[in-house]
Amino acid sequence: MLDPADYPEVLQLHQKVQELQLEFRKVEAVFSMPEENYIAIEMKTGSEVFVVPVVDEYEDFAQEKPSMALHLILTECETFEEAEDYLVWAKEVELNASNEKARQAWLHLRDVVPQIRKLLGNNIQPISAFNYELNTGAAKLLREIDLRN
């Protein structure tokens, strides 16, 4: 069994979910593109609700895995923040820049990412793309940490 103490980045996500009592669910939005593995996740804490378009290439989102949901949202925030403009972002998330839904997703991110960062802070990060894509110990723990009793 993986020890959370060995993966502080996963533990930080898990603790943030608990601290803010974050709840997540998949919703339909004007920018949802399930055929492109691009979904909308609603993140709720208290009276604040955010709808965030995210890439879910590995279909990892599940309501009973809030730490994973937070990881997906933070990955999208980071990708948006690092992109110089819309065209760079669209290429990074592998969406056709001429797709109107992609443009709507980017415009929505432009508004919602600063709000999410205000809530969560800038010090919380997703696990690295390397660890996530190669399904290393950090990714394995992220996929199971919320399912433990």
Protein backbone atom coordinates (compact mmCIF):
# COMPACT_ATOMS: atom_id res chain seq x y z
CA MET A 1 0.00 0.00 0.00
CA LEU A 2 1.31 3.43 -0.93
CA ASP A 3 2.16 5.73 1.97
CA PRO A 4 0.76 9.27 1.55
CA ALA A 5 3.74 10.63 3.50
CA ASP A 6 5.93 9.64 0.52
CA TYR A 7 3.88 11.86 -1.83
CA PRO A 8 3.39 15.29 -0.22
CA GLU A 9 1.96 16.75 -3.44
CA VAL A 10 -0.94 14.25 -3.30
CA LEU A 11 -1.39 14.77 0.42
CA GLN A 12 -1.60 18.53 -0.15
CA LEU A 13 -4.42 18.06 -2.69
CA HIS A 14 -6.26 15.70 -0.35
CA GLN A 15 -5.90 18.07 2.60
CA LYS A 16 -7.12 21.06 0.56
CA VAL A 17 -10.24 19.12 -0.44
CA GLN A 18 -10.94 18.37 3.22
CA GLU A 19 -10.03 21.85 4.49
CA LEU A 20 -12.39 23.62 2.06
CA GLN A 21 -14.94 20.79 2.01
CA LEU A 22 -14.77 20.78 -1.79
CA GLU A 23 -17.38 18.88 -3.73
CA PHE A 24 -17.19 18.06 -7.42
CA ARG A 25 -19.56 16.83 -10.10
CA LYS A 26 -19.48 16.55 -13.86
CA VAL A 27 -21.85 18.97 -15.59
CA GLU A 28 -22.82 19.92 -19.11
CA ALA A 29 -21.61 23.29 -20.32
CA VAL A 30 -21.43 25.14 -23.64
CA PHE A 31 -17.75 24.21 -23.85
CA SER A 32 -18.09 20.48 -23.05
CA MET A 33 -16.51 18.32 -25.74
CA PRO A 34 -16.63 14.71 -24.48
CA GLU A 35 -15.51 13.45 -27.88
CA GLU A 36 -12.27 15.38 -27.26
CA ASN A 37 -12.03 14.22 -23.60
CA TYR A 38 -12.83 17.80 -22.60
CA ILE A 39 -15.42 17.94 -19.83
CA ALA A 40 -16.86 20.48 -17.39
CA ILE A 41 -16.44 19.94 -13.65
CA GLU A 42 -18.37 21.88 -11.07
CA MET A 43 -16.36 22.65 -7.95
CA LYS A 44 -18.35 23.77 -4.91
CA THR A 45 -17.28 25.03 -1.51
CA GLY A 46 -19.86 26.59 0.76
CA SER A 47 -21.80 29.06 -1.36
CA GLU A 48 -19.10 29.39 -4.04
CA VAL A 49 -19.51 27.38 -7.24
CA PHE A 50 -17.08 27.24 -10.14
CA VAL A 51 -17.54 25.42 -13.44
CA VAL A 52 -14.21 24.53 -14.97
CA PRO A 53 -13.51 23.01 -18.38
CA VAL A 54 -10.81 20.32 -18.06
CA VAL A 55 -9.00 17.72 -20.11
CA ASP A 56 -9.80 14.24 -18.79
CA GLU A 57 -7.83 12.16 -21.26
CA TYR A 58 -7.69 9.10 -18.99
CA GLU A 59 -11.32 9.42 -17.82
CA ASP A 60 -10.16 9.77 -14.22
CA PHE A 61 -12.93 12.05 -13.03
CA ALA A 62 -15.27 10.44 -10.51
CA GLN A 63 -17.36 12.19 -7.87
CA GLU A 64 -15.96 9.89 -5.19
CA LYS A 65 -12.41 11.01 -6.06
CA PRO A 66 -12.33 14.71 -5.14
CA SER A 67 -8.52 14.85 -4.87
CA MET A 68 -8.31 13.71 -8.51
CA ALA A 69 -10.93 16.28 -9.50
CA LEU A 70 -8.87 19.02 -7.84
CA HIS A 71 -5.77 17.76 -9.66
CA LEU A 72 -7.59 17.97 -13.02
CA ILE A 73 -8.79 21.50 -12.28
CA LEU A 74 -5.34 22.66 -11.15
CA THR A 75 -3.76 21.12 -14.24
CA GLU A 76 -6.15 23.13 -16.40
CA CYS A 77 -5.44 26.29 -14.41
CA GLU A 78 -1.70 25.77 -14.82
CA THR A 79 -1.99 25.10 -18.55
CA PHE A 80 -4.07 28.24 -18.99
CA GLU A 81 -1.69 30.36 -16.89
CA GLU A 82 1.37 29.20 -18.81
CA ALA A 83 -0.09 29.74 -22.29
CA GLU A 84 0.87 33.02 -23.94
CA ASP A 85 -2.44 33.28 -25.78
CA TYR A 86 -5.44 31.37 -27.05
CA LEU A 87 -3.61 29.65 -29.92
CA VAL A 88 -0.86 28.36 -27.63
CA TRP A 89 -3.43 27.13 -25.12
CA ALA A 90 -5.54 25.38 -27.78
CA LYS A 91 -2.47 23.58 -29.12
CA GLU A 92 -1.40 22.55 -25.60
CA VAL A 93 -4.78 20.99 -24.79
CA GLU A 94 -5.00 19.52 -28.30
CA LEU A 95 -8.15 21.36 -29.37
CA ASN A 96 -8.79 22.84 -32.80
CA ALA A 97 -8.40 26.60 -32.41
CA SER A 98 -11.19 27.20 -34.93
CA ASN A 99 -13.66 25.25 -32.76
CA GLU A 100 -16.15 27.67 -31.19
CA LYS A 101 -16.48 25.51 -28.07
CA ALA A 102 -12.72 25.67 -27.56
CA ARG A 103 -12.85 29.46 -27.80
CA GLN A 104 -15.70 29.55 -25.27
CA ALA A 105 -13.72 27.32 -22.90
CA TRP A 106 -10.70 29.64 -23.10
CA LEU A 107 -12.84 32.73 -22.49
CA HIS A 108 -14.43 31.01 -19.50
CA LEU A 109 -11.02 30.02 -18.11
CA ARG A 110 -9.89 33.62 -18.46
CA ASP A 111 -12.62 34.56 -15.97
CA VAL A 112 -12.64 31.56 -13.63
CA VAL A 113 -8.92 30.78 -13.15
CA PRO A 114 -8.20 33.97 -11.13
CA GLN A 115 -11.20 33.20 -8.91
CA ILE A 116 -9.97 29.65 -8.31
CA ARG A 117 -6.47 30.88 -7.51
CA LYS A 118 -7.94 33.39 -5.07
CA LEU A 119 -9.74 30.53 -3.30
CA LEU A 120 -6.97 27.92 -3.40
CA GLY A 121 -3.85 30.07 -3.48
CA ASN A 122 -0.87 29.87 -5.81
CA ASN A 123 1.14 27.38 -3.75
CA ILE A 124 -1.03 24.36 -4.46
CA GLN A 125 -0.09 22.48 -7.63
CA PRO A 126 -1.21 19.37 -9.48
CA ILE A 127 1.12 16.39 -9.53
CA SER A 128 3.57 16.62 -12.40
CA ALA A 129 2.46 15.68 -15.91
CA PHE A 130 5.32 13.16 -15.98
CA ASN A 131 4.05 11.36 -12.86
CA TYR A 132 0.45 11.51 -14.02
CA GLU A 133 1.02 10.25 -17.55
CA LEU A 134 3.40 7.47 -16.51
CA ASN A 135 1.13 6.46 -13.63
CA THR A 136 3.93 6.58 -11.06
CA GLY A 137 3.36 6.16 -7.33
CA ALA A 138 2.05 9.73 -7.01
CA ALA A 139 -0.56 9.13 -9.71
CA LYS A 140 -1.52 5.76 -8.27
CA LEU A 141 -2.01 7.29 -4.84
CA LEU A 142 -3.99 10.18 -6.33
CA ARG A 143 -6.35 7.67 -7.96
CA GLU A 144 -6.98 5.83 -4.66
CA ILE A 145 -6.47 8.23 -1.73
CA ASP A 146 -10.15 9.23 -1.48
CA LEU A 147 -11.31 5.61 -1.63
CA ARG A 148 -9.43 4.59 1.51
CA ASN A 149 -11.37 4.19 4.74
